[in-house]
All heavy atoms as atom14 arrays in JSON, in Angstrom:
{
  "sequence": "FGNPASVLVGDFLYSRAFQMMVDAQNMRIMEVLADATNVIAEGEV",
  "atom14_mask": [
    [1, 1, 1, 1, 1, 1, 1, 1, 1, 1, 1, 0, 0, 0],
    [1, 1, 1, 1, 0, 0, 0, 0, 0, 0, 0, 0, 0, 0],
    [1, 1, 1, 1, 1, 1, 1, 1, 0, 0, 0, 0, 0, 0],
    [1, 1, 1, 1, 1, 1, 1, 0, 0, 0, 0, 0, 0, 0],
    [1, 1, 1, 1, 1, 0, 0, 0, 0, 0, 0, 0, 0, 0],
    [1, 1, 1, 1, 1, 1, 0, 0, 0, 0, 0, 0, 0, 0],
    [1, 1, 1, 1, 1, 1, 1, 0, 0, 0, 0, 0, 0, 0],
    [1, 1, 1, 1, 1, 1, 1, 1, 0, 0, 0, 0, 0, 0],
    [1, 1, 1, 1, 1, 1, 1, 0, 0, 0, 0, 0, 0, 0],
    [1, 1, 1, 1, 0, 0, 0, 0, 0, 0, 0, 0, 0, 0],
    [1, 1, 1, 1, 1, 1, 1, 1, 0, 0, 0, 0, 0, 0],
    [1, 1, 1, 1, 1, 1, 1, 1, 1, 1, 1, 0, 0, 0],
    [1, 1, 1, 1, 1, 1, 1, 1, 0, 0, 0, 0, 0, 0],
    [1, 1, 1, 1, 1, 1, 1, 1, 1, 1, 1, 1, 0, 0],
    [1, 1, 1, 1, 1, 1, 0, 0, 0, 0, 0, 0, 0, 0],
    [1, 1, 1, 1, 1, 1, 1, 1, 1, 1, 1, 0, 0, 0],
    [1, 1, 1, 1, 1, 0, 0, 0, 0, 0, 0, 0, 0, 0],
    [1, 1, 1, 1, 1, 1, 1, 1, 1, 1, 1, 0, 0, 0],
    [1, 1, 1, 1, 1, 1, 1, 1, 1, 0, 0, 0, 0, 0],
    [1, 1, 1, 1, 1, 1, 1, 1, 0, 0, 0, 0, 0, 0],
    [1, 1, 1, 1, 1, 1, 1, 1, 0, 0, 0, 0, 0, 0],
    [1, 1, 1, 1, 1, 1, 1, 0, 0, 0, 0, 0, 0, 0],
    [1, 1, 1, 1, 1, 1, 1, 1, 0, 0, 0, 0, 0, 0],
    [1, 1, 1, 1, 1, 0, 0, 0, 0, 0, 0, 0, 0, 0],
    [1, 1, 1, 1, 1, 1, 1, 1, 1, 0, 0, 0, 0, 0],
    [1, 1, 1, 1, 1, 1, 1, 1, 0, 0, 0, 0, 0, 0],
    [1, 1, 1, 1, 1, 1, 1, 1, 0, 0, 0, 0, 0, 0],
    [1, 1, 1, 1, 1, 1, 1, 1, 1, 1, 1, 0, 0, 0],
    [1, 1, 1, 1, 1, 1, 1, 1, 0, 0, 0, 0, 0, 0],
    [1, 1, 1, 1, 1, 1, 1, 1, 0, 0, 0, 0, 0, 0],
    [1, 1, 1, 1, 1, 1, 1, 1, 1, 0, 0, 0, 0, 0],
    [1, 1, 1, 1, 1, 1, 1, 0, 0, 0, 0, 0, 0, 0],
    [1, 1, 1, 1, 1, 1, 1, 1, 0, 0, 0, 0, 0, 0],
    [1, 1, 1, 1, 1, 0, 0, 0, 0, 0, 0, 0, 0, 0],
    [1, 1, 1, 1, 1, 1, 1, 1, 0, 0, 0, 0, 0, 0],
    [1, 1, 1, 1, 1, 0, 0, 0, 0, 0, 0, 0, 0, 0],
    [1, 1, 1, 1, 1, 1, 1, 0, 0, 0, 0, 0, 0, 0],
    [1, 1, 1, 1, 1, 1, 1, 1, 0, 0, 0, 0, 0, 0],
    [1, 1, 1, 1, 1, 1, 1, 0, 0, 0, 0, 0, 0, 0],
    [1, 1, 1, 1, 1, 1, 1, 1, 0, 0, 0, 0, 0, 0],
    [1, 1, 1, 1, 1, 0, 0, 0, 0, 0, 0, 0, 0, 0],
    [1, 1, 1, 1, 1, 1, 1, 1, 1, 0, 0, 0, 0, 0],
    [1, 1, 1, 1, 0, 0, 0, 0, 0, 0, 0, 0, 0, 0],
    [1, 1, 1, 1, 1, 1, 1, 1, 1, 0, 0, 0, 0, 0],
    [1, 1, 1, 1, 1, 1, 1, 0, 0, 0, 0, 0, 0, 0]
  ],
  "atom14_positions": [
    [[21.19, -2.97, -1.93], [20.95, -1.9, -2.91], [21.03, -0.5, -2.32], [21.02, 0.48, -3.07], [19.57, -2.09, -3.56], [19.4, -3.39, -4.28], [18.75, -4.45, -3.66], [19.9, -3.58, -5.55], [18.58, -5.66, -4.33], [19.74, -4.79, -6.23], [19.09, -5.84, -5.6], [0.0, 0.0, 0.0], [0.0, 0.0, 0.0], [0.0, 0.0, 0.0]],
    [[21.07, -0.41, -0.99], [21.11, 0.89, -0.34], [19.73, 1.33, 0.15], [18.7, 0.87, -0.35], [0.0, 0.0, 0.0], [0.0, 0.0, 0.0], [0.0, 0.0, 0.0], [0.0, 0.0, 0.0], [0.0, 0.0, 0.0], [0.0, 0.0, 0.0], [0.0, 0.0, 0.0], [0.0, 0.0, 0.0], [0.0, 0.0, 0.0], [0.0, 0.0, 0.0]],
    [[19.73, 2.24, 1.12], [18.47, 2.71, 1.71], [17.57, 3.45, 0.72], [16.36, 3.2, 0.7], [18.76, 3.61, 2.92], [19.24, 2.83, 4.12], [19.07, 1.61, 4.19], [19.84, 3.52, 5.07], [0.0, 0.0, 0.0], [0.0, 0.0, 0.0], [0.0, 0.0, 0.0], [0.0, 0.0, 0.0], [0.0, 0.0, 0.0], [0.0, 0.0, 0.0]],
    [[18.09, 4.37, -0.08], [17.19, 5.1, -0.99], [16.42, 4.18, -1.93], [15.2, 4.34, -2.1], [18.15, 6.02, -1.76], [19.31, 6.22, -0.84], [19.48, 4.9, -0.16], [0.0, 0.0, 0.0], [0.0, 0.0, 0.0], [0.0, 0.0, 0.0], [0.0, 0.0, 0.0], [0.0, 0.0, 0.0], [0.0, 0.0, 0.0], [0.0, 0.0, 0.0]],
    [[17.09, 3.19, -2.51], [16.42, 2.26, -3.43], [15.35, 1.46, -2.7], [14.25, 1.25, -3.22], [17.44, 1.33, -4.08], [0.0, 0.0, 0.0], [0.0, 0.0, 0.0], [0.0, 0.0, 0.0], [0.0, 0.0, 0.0], [0.0, 0.0, 0.0], [0.0, 0.0, 0.0], [0.0, 0.0, 0.0], [0.0, 0.0, 0.0], [0.0, 0.0, 0.0]],
    [[15.65, 1.02, -1.47], [14.69, 0.23, -0.71], [13.43, 1.02, -0.38], [12.31, 0.51, -0.5], [15.33, -0.29, 0.59], [16.32, -1.25, 0.31], [0.0, 0.0, 0.0], [0.0, 0.0, 0.0], [0.0, 0.0, 0.0], [0.0, 0.0, 0.0], [0.0, 0.0, 0.0], [0.0, 0.0, 0.0], [0.0, 0.0, 0.0], [0.0, 0.0, 0.0]],
    [[13.61, 2.25, 0.06], [12.45, 3.1, 0.4], [11.6, 3.36, -0.84], [10.36, 3.22, -0.82], [12.91, 4.43, 1.03], [11.73, 5.39, 1.16], [13.54, 4.18, 2.4], [0.0, 0.0, 0.0], [0.0, 0.0, 0.0], [0.0, 0.0, 0.0], [0.0, 0.0, 0.0], [0.0, 0.0, 0.0], [0.0, 0.0, 0.0], [0.0, 0.0, 0.0]],
    [[12.24, 3.72, -1.94], [11.5, 4.09, -3.14], [10.81, 2.89, -3.78], [9.68, 2.99, -4.28], [12.42, 4.79, -4.14], [12.97, 6.14, -3.64], [14.01, 6.69, -4.59], [11.83, 7.14, -3.46], [0.0, 0.0, 0.0], [0.0, 0.0, 0.0], [0.0, 0.0, 0.0], [0.0, 0.0, 0.0], [0.0, 0.0, 0.0], [0.0, 0.0, 0.0]],
    [[11.46, 1.73, -3.76], [10.82, 0.53, -4.31], [9.68, 0.07, -3.39], [8.65, -0.43, -3.86], [11.85, -0.59, -4.55], [11.16, -1.9, -4.95], [12.83, -0.18, -5.65], [0.0, 0.0, 0.0], [0.0, 0.0, 0.0], [0.0, 0.0, 0.0], [0.0, 0.0, 0.0], [0.0, 0.0, 0.0], [0.0, 0.0, 0.0], [0.0, 0.0, 0.0]],
    [[9.83, 0.29, -2.1], [8.71, 0.05, -1.19], [7.51, 0.9, -1.56], [6.37, 0.43, -1.58], [0.0, 0.0, 0.0], [0.0, 0.0, 0.0], [0.0, 0.0, 0.0], [0.0, 0.0, 0.0], [0.0, 0.0, 0.0], [0.0, 0.0, 0.0], [0.0, 0.0, 0.0], [0.0, 0.0, 0.0], [0.0, 0.0, 0.0], [0.0, 0.0, 0.0]],
    [[7.77, 2.17, -1.9], [6.7, 3.06, -2.36], [6.06, 2.53, -3.64], [4.84, 2.59, -3.81], [7.25, 4.47, -2.6], [7.68, 5.17, -1.32], [7.29, 4.71, -0.23], [8.41, 6.17, -1.41], [0.0, 0.0, 0.0], [0.0, 0.0, 0.0], [0.0, 0.0, 0.0], [0.0, 0.0, 0.0], [0.0, 0.0, 0.0], [0.0, 0.0, 0.0]],
    [[6.89, 2.02, -4.54], [6.37, 1.44, -5.8], [5.43, 0.27, -5.49], [4.35, 0.15, -6.1], [7.53, 0.96, -6.68], [7.1, 0.06, -7.81], [6.61, 0.59, -8.99], [7.17, -1.31, -7.69], [6.19, -0.23, -10.03], [6.76, -2.15, -8.71], [6.27, -1.61, -9.89], [0.0, 0.0, 0.0], [0.0, 0.0, 0.0], [0.0, 0.0, 0.0]],
    [[5.83, -0.6, -4.56], [5.0, -1.76, -4.25], [3.66, -1.35, -3.62], [2.62, -1.93, -3.91], [5.75, -2.72, -3.33], [6.89, -3.49, -3.99], [7.69, -4.28, -2.96], [6.36, -4.44, -5.07], [0.0, 0.0, 0.0], [0.0, 0.0, 0.0], [0.0, 0.0, 0.0], [0.0, 0.0, 0.0], [0.0, 0.0, 0.0], [0.0, 0.0, 0.0]],
    [[3.7, -0.34, -2.74], [2.45, 0.18, -2.18], [1.53, 0.68, -3.3], [0.35, 0.35, -3.36], [2.73, 1.34, -1.22], [2.99, 0.94, 0.21], [4.1, 1.45, 0.9], [2.12, 0.1, 0.9], [4.34, 1.11, 2.22], [2.37, -0.25, 2.22], [3.47, 0.26, 2.88], [3.7, -0.08, 4.19], [0.0, 0.0, 0.0], [0.0, 0.0, 0.0]],
    [[2.08, 1.51, -4.19], [1.25, 2.11, -5.23], [0.78, 1.06, -6.23], [-0.35, 1.13, -6.73], [2.0, 3.25, -5.94], [3.24, 2.81, -6.43], [0.0, 0.0, 0.0], [0.0, 0.0, 0.0], [0.0, 0.0, 0.0], [0.0, 0.0, 0.0], [0.0, 0.0, 0.0], [0.0, 0.0, 0.0], [0.0, 0.0, 0.0], [0.0, 0.0, 0.0]],
    [[1.61, 0.06, -6.53], [1.19, -1.01, -7.43], [0.06, -1.82, -6.78], [-0.9, -2.21, -7.45], [2.38, -1.9, -7.77], [2.11, -3.12, -8.67], [1.38, -2.78, -9.96], [1.97, -1.72, -10.76], [2.9, -1.91, -11.7], [3.36, -3.12, -11.95], [3.34, -0.88, -12.4], [0.0, 0.0, 0.0], [0.0, 0.0, 0.0], [0.0, 0.0, 0.0]],
    [[0.16, -2.03, -5.48], [-0.91, -2.75, -4.77], [-2.24, -2.0, -4.89], [-3.29, -2.6, -5.12], [-0.54, -2.93, -3.29], [0.0, 0.0, 0.0], [0.0, 0.0, 0.0], [0.0, 0.0, 0.0], [0.0, 0.0, 0.0], [0.0, 0.0, 0.0], [0.0, 0.0, 0.0], [0.0, 0.0, 0.0], [0.0, 0.0, 0.0], [0.0, 0.0, 0.0]],
    [[-2.19, -0.68, -4.79], [-3.42, 0.1, -4.9], [-3.97, 0.09, -6.33], [-5.19, 0.08, -6.54], [-3.22, 1.52, -4.38], [-3.37, 1.6, -2.88], [-2.33, 1.27, -2.04], [-4.59, 1.97, -2.33], [-2.48, 1.31, -0.66], [-4.76, 2.01, -0.95], [-3.71, 1.68, -0.11], [0.0, 0.0, 0.0], [0.0, 0.0, 0.0], [0.0, 0.0, 0.0]],
    [[-3.08, 0.06, -7.32], [-3.55, -0.1, -8.7], [-4.3, -1.42, -8.86], [-5.36, -1.48, -9.51], [-2.36, -0.1, -9.67], [-1.73, 1.26, -9.92], [-0.55, 1.14, -10.89], [0.19, 0.15, -10.88], [-0.37, 2.14, -11.73], [0.0, 0.0, 0.0], [0.0, 0.0, 0.0], [0.0, 0.0, 0.0], [0.0, 0.0, 0.0], [0.0, 0.0, 0.0]],
    [[-3.76, -2.47, -8.27], [-4.35, -3.8, -8.4], [-5.66, -3.92, -7.63], [-6.56, -4.67, -8.02], [-3.34, -4.86, -7.92], [-2.12, -4.96, -8.81], [-0.74, -5.85, -8.05], [-1.42, -7.51, -7.92], [0.0, 0.0, 0.0], [0.0, 0.0, 0.0], [0.0, 0.0, 0.0], [0.0, 0.0, 0.0], [0.0, 0.0, 0.0], [0.0, 0.0, 0.0]],
    [[-5.79, -3.21, -6.52], [-7.05, -3.21, -5.76], [-8.21, -2.75, -6.62], [-9.33, -3.25, -6.5], [-6.95, -2.25, -4.57], [-6.28, -2.79, -3.35], [-6.29, -1.46, -2.1], [-4.68, -1.68, -1.39], [0.0, 0.0, 0.0], [0.0, 0.0, 0.0], [0.0, 0.0, 0.0], [0.0, 0.0, 0.0], [0.0, 0.0, 0.0], [0.0, 0.0, 0.0]],
    [[-7.94, -1.78, -7.48], [-8.99, -1.21, -8.33], [-9.59, -2.3, -9.24], [-10.78, -2.27, -9.57], [-8.44, -0.03, -9.17], [-9.51, 0.52, -10.11], [-7.92, 1.07, -8.25], [0.0, 0.0, 0.0], [0.0, 0.0, 0.0], [0.0, 0.0, 0.0], [0.0, 0.0, 0.0], [0.0, 0.0, 0.0], [0.0, 0.0, 0.0], [0.0, 0.0, 0.0]],
    [[-8.75, -3.28, -9.61], [-9.21, -4.36, -10.5], [-10.39, -5.12, -9.9], [-11.21, -5.68, -10.64], [-8.07, -5.36, -10.78], [-6.95, -4.74, -11.6], [-7.17, -3.66, -12.17], [-5.86, -5.35, -11.66], [0.0, 0.0, 0.0], [0.0, 0.0, 0.0], [0.0, 0.0, 0.0], [0.0, 0.0, 0.0], [0.0, 0.0, 0.0], [0.0, 0.0, 0.0]],
    [[-10.46, -5.16, -8.59], [-11.55, -5.91, -7.94], [-12.9, -5.23, -8.09], [-13.94, -5.87, -7.93], [-11.23, -6.12, -6.46], [0.0, 0.0, 0.0], [0.0, 0.0, 0.0], [0.0, 0.0, 0.0], [0.0, 0.0, 0.0], [0.0, 0.0, 0.0], [0.0, 0.0, 0.0], [0.0, 0.0, 0.0], [0.0, 0.0, 0.0], [0.0, 0.0, 0.0]],
    [[-12.88, -3.91, -8.39], [-14.12, -3.15, -8.56], [-15.05, -3.35, -7.36], [-16.26, -3.57, -7.52], [-14.83, -3.57, -9.85], [-14.06, -3.2, -11.12], [-13.99, -1.69, -11.35], [-15.01, -1.03, -11.48], [-12.78, -1.15, -11.37], [0.0, 0.0, 0.0], [0.0, 0.0, 0.0], [0.0, 0.0, 0.0], [0.0, 0.0, 0.0], [0.0, 0.0, 0.0]],
    [[-14.49, -3.29, -6.17], [-15.26, -3.5, -4.95], [-14.81, -2.48, -3.91], [-13.71, -2.58, -3.37], [-15.04, -4.94, -4.44], [-15.91, -5.29, -3.25], [-16.02, -4.53, -2.29], [-16.52, -6.47, -3.29], [0.0, 0.0, 0.0], [0.0, 0.0, 0.0], [0.0, 0.0, 0.0], [0.0, 0.0, 0.0], [0.0, 0.0, 0.0], [0.0, 0.0, 0.0]],
    [[-15.68, -1.5, -3.66], [-15.31, -0.42, -2.75], [-15.07, -0.92, -1.33], [-14.23, -0.37, -0.61], [-16.39, 0.66, -2.74], [-16.35, 1.58, -3.96], [-14.79, 2.49, -4.11], [-14.85, 3.52, -2.65], [0.0, 0.0, 0.0], [0.0, 0.0, 0.0], [0.0, 0.0, 0.0], [0.0, 0.0, 0.0], [0.0, 0.0, 0.0], [0.0, 0.0, 0.0]],
    [[-15.8, -1.94, -0.91], [-15.62, -2.48, 0.45], [-14.21, -3.06, 0.61], [-13.55, -2.84, 1.63], [-16.68, -3.55, 0.71], [-16.55, -4.26, 2.05], [-17.13, -3.45, 3.18], [-17.03, -4.2, 4.42], [-16.32, -3.82, 5.48], [-15.65, -2.68, 5.47], [-16.28, -4.56, 6.56], [0.0, 0.0, 0.0], [0.0, 0.0, 0.0], [0.0, 0.0, 0.0]],
    [[-13.74, -3.77, -0.4], [-12.39, -4.34, -0.35], [-11.35, -3.23, -0.33], [-10.38, -3.27, 0.45], [-12.17, -5.31, -1.53], [-12.95, -6.6, -1.28], [-10.68, -5.6, -1.73], [-12.92, -7.58, -2.43], [0.0, 0.0, 0.0], [0.0, 0.0, 0.0], [0.0, 0.0, 0.0], [0.0, 0.0, 0.0], [0.0, 0.0, 0.0], [0.0, 0.0, 0.0]],
    [[-11.56, -2.23, -1.16], [-10.62, -1.1, -1.18], [-10.59, -0.4, 0.18], [-9.52, -0.01, 0.66], [-11.0, -0.12, -2.28], [-10.72, -0.64, -3.68], [-10.97, 0.62, -4.94], [-9.63, 1.74, -4.59], [0.0, 0.0, 0.0], [0.0, 0.0, 0.0], [0.0, 0.0, 0.0], [0.0, 0.0, 0.0], [0.0, 0.0, 0.0], [0.0, 0.0, 0.0]],
    [[-11.75, -0.25, 0.79], [-11.83, 0.38, 2.1], [-11.04, -0.41, 3.15], [-10.26, 0.16, 3.92], [-13.3, 0.5, 2.53], [-13.5, 1.12, 3.91], [-14.94, 1.04, 4.39], [-15.75, 0.33, 3.77], [-15.25, 1.67, 5.41], [0.0, 0.0, 0.0], [0.0, 0.0, 0.0], [0.0, 0.0, 0.0], [0.0, 0.0, 0.0], [0.0, 0.0, 0.0]],
    [[-11.24, -1.73, 3.16], [-10.57, -2.58, 4.15], [-9.05, -2.52, 3.98], [-8.3, -2.37, 4.95], [-11.07, -4.05, 4.03], [-10.17, -5.0, 4.82], [-12.51, -4.15, 4.52], [0.0, 0.0, 0.0], [0.0, 0.0, 0.0], [0.0, 0.0, 0.0], [0.0, 0.0, 0.0], [0.0, 0.0, 0.0], [0.0, 0.0, 0.0], [0.0, 0.0, 0.0]],
    [[-8.58, -2.64, 2.73], [-7.13, -2.66, 2.49], [-6.5, -1.29, 2.69], [-5.37, -1.18, 3.19], [-6.84, -3.21, 1.1], [-7.12, -4.7, 0.92], [-6.98, -5.12, -0.54], [-6.2, -5.55, 1.8], [0.0, 0.0, 0.0], [0.0, 0.0, 0.0], [0.0, 0.0, 0.0], [0.0, 0.0, 0.0], [0.0, 0.0, 0.0], [0.0, 0.0, 0.0]],
    [[-7.22, -0.23, 2.3], [-6.7, 1.13, 2.52], [-6.6, 1.43, 4.01], [-5.6, 1.98, 4.49], [-7.59, 2.15, 1.82], [0.0, 0.0, 0.0], [0.0, 0.0, 0.0], [0.0, 0.0, 0.0], [0.0, 0.0, 0.0], [0.0, 0.0, 0.0], [0.0, 0.0, 0.0], [0.0, 0.0, 0.0], [0.0, 0.0, 0.0], [0.0, 0.0, 0.0]],
    [[-7.65, 1.07, 4.76], [-7.62, 1.28, 6.22], [-6.5, 0.48, 6.87], [-5.79, 0.99, 7.75], [-8.97, 0.87, 6.84], [-10.08, 1.88, 6.54], [-9.77, 2.97, 6.02], [-11.25, 1.57, 6.83], [0.0, 0.0, 0.0], [0.0, 0.0, 0.0], [0.0, 0.0, 0.0], [0.0, 0.0, 0.0], [0.0, 0.0, 0.0], [0.0, 0.0, 0.0]],
    [[-6.34, -0.77, 6.43], [-5.29, -1.62, 7.0], [-3.91, -1.02, 6.75], [-3.07, -0.98, 7.66], [-5.37, -3.02, 6.41], [0.0, 0.0, 0.0], [0.0, 0.0, 0.0], [0.0, 0.0, 0.0], [0.0, 0.0, 0.0], [0.0, 0.0, 0.0], [0.0, 0.0, 0.0], [0.0, 0.0, 0.0], [0.0, 0.0, 0.0], [0.0, 0.0, 0.0]],
    [[-3.68, -0.55, 5.53], [-2.38, 0.05, 5.18], [-2.1, 1.27, 6.05], [-0.97, 1.49, 6.51], [-2.35, 0.42, 3.69], [-2.68, -0.73, 2.91], [-0.98, 0.91, 3.27], [0.0, 0.0, 0.0], [0.0, 0.0, 0.0], [0.0, 0.0, 0.0], [0.0, 0.0, 0.0], [0.0, 0.0, 0.0], [0.0, 0.0, 0.0], [0.0, 0.0, 0.0]],
    [[-3.14, 2.05, 6.32], [-2.98, 3.24, 7.16], [-2.68, 2.86, 8.6], [-1.8, 3.45, 9.24], [-4.25, 4.08, 7.08], [-4.08, 5.46, 7.68], [-4.63, 5.78, 8.72], [-3.29, 6.3, 7.01], [0.0, 0.0, 0.0], [0.0, 0.0, 0.0], [0.0, 0.0, 0.0], [0.0, 0.0, 0.0], [0.0, 0.0, 0.0], [0.0, 0.0, 0.0]],
    [[-3.37, 1.84, 9.11], [-3.14, 1.39, 10.49], [-1.73, 0.82, 10.64], [-1.05, 1.05, 11.65], [-4.2, 0.33, 10.91], [-3.81, -0.35, 12.22], [-5.57, 0.98, 11.04], [0.0, 0.0, 0.0], [0.0, 0.0, 0.0], [0.0, 0.0, 0.0], [0.0, 0.0, 0.0], [0.0, 0.0, 0.0], [0.0, 0.0, 0.0], [0.0, 0.0, 0.0]],
    [[-1.27, 0.1, 9.63], [0.1, -0.45, 9.67], [1.12, 0.69, 9.76], [2.07, 0.62, 10.55], [0.37, -1.31, 8.41], [-0.48, -2.59, 8.45], [1.86, -1.68, 8.32], [-0.56, -3.31, 7.11], [0.0, 0.0, 0.0], [0.0, 0.0, 0.0], [0.0, 0.0, 0.0], [0.0, 0.0, 0.0], [0.0, 0.0, 0.0], [0.0, 0.0, 0.0]],
    [[0.9, 1.74, 8.97], [1.81, 2.89, 9.01], [1.78, 3.54, 10.4], [2.83, 3.92, 10.94], [1.42, 3.91, 7.94], [0.0, 0.0, 0.0], [0.0, 0.0, 0.0], [0.0, 0.0, 0.0], [0.0, 0.0, 0.0], [0.0, 0.0, 0.0], [0.0, 0.0, 0.0], [0.0, 0.0, 0.0], [0.0, 0.0, 0.0], [0.0, 0.0, 0.0]],
    [[0.59, 3.67, 10.98], [0.49, 4.21, 12.34], [1.23, 3.32, 13.34], [1.91, 3.82, 14.25], [-0.98, 4.33, 12.76], [-1.74, 5.44, 12.07], [-3.19, 5.53, 12.52], [-3.75, 4.49, 12.93], [-3.76, 6.63, 12.45], [0.0, 0.0, 0.0], [0.0, 0.0, 0.0], [0.0, 0.0, 0.0], [0.0, 0.0, 0.0], [0.0, 0.0, 0.0]],
    [[1.1, 2.0, 13.15], [1.8, 1.06, 14.03], [3.31, 1.2, 13.94], [4.02, 1.1, 14.95], [0.0, 0.0, 0.0], [0.0, 0.0, 0.0], [0.0, 0.0, 0.0], [0.0, 0.0, 0.0], [0.0, 0.0, 0.0], [0.0, 0.0, 0.0], [0.0, 0.0, 0.0], [0.0, 0.0, 0.0], [0.0, 0.0, 0.0], [0.0, 0.0, 0.0]],
    [[3.8, 1.43, 12.72], [5.24, 1.64, 12.54], [5.71, 2.88, 13.29], [6.76, 2.88, 13.93], [5.56, 1.79, 11.05], [5.3, 0.55, 10.2], [6.35, -0.52, 10.39], [7.26, -0.33, 11.21], [6.25, -1.55, 9.72], [0.0, 0.0, 0.0], [0.0, 0.0, 0.0], [0.0, 0.0, 0.0], [0.0, 0.0, 0.0], [0.0, 0.0, 0.0]],
    [[4.92, 3.96, 13.19], [5.28, 5.2, 13.88], [5.21, 5.0, 15.4], [6.07, 5.47, 16.15], [4.38, 6.37, 13.44], [4.69, 7.63, 14.24], [4.56, 6.64, 11.95], [0.0, 0.0, 0.0], [0.0, 0.0, 0.0], [0.0, 0.0, 0.0], [0.0, 0.0, 0.0], [0.0, 0.0, 0.0], [0.0, 0.0, 0.0], [0.0, 0.0, 0.0]]
  ]
}
């Protein structure tokens, strides 16, 4: 599909994941997953 589509759809999946996290109504779970996502990004860099 090309690089632009892959990057932007990756962004969609990240943001959809965060929408779904809210459904759990659990701040501890949101904290763990948000921290993990940030650490993964740091690892990529």
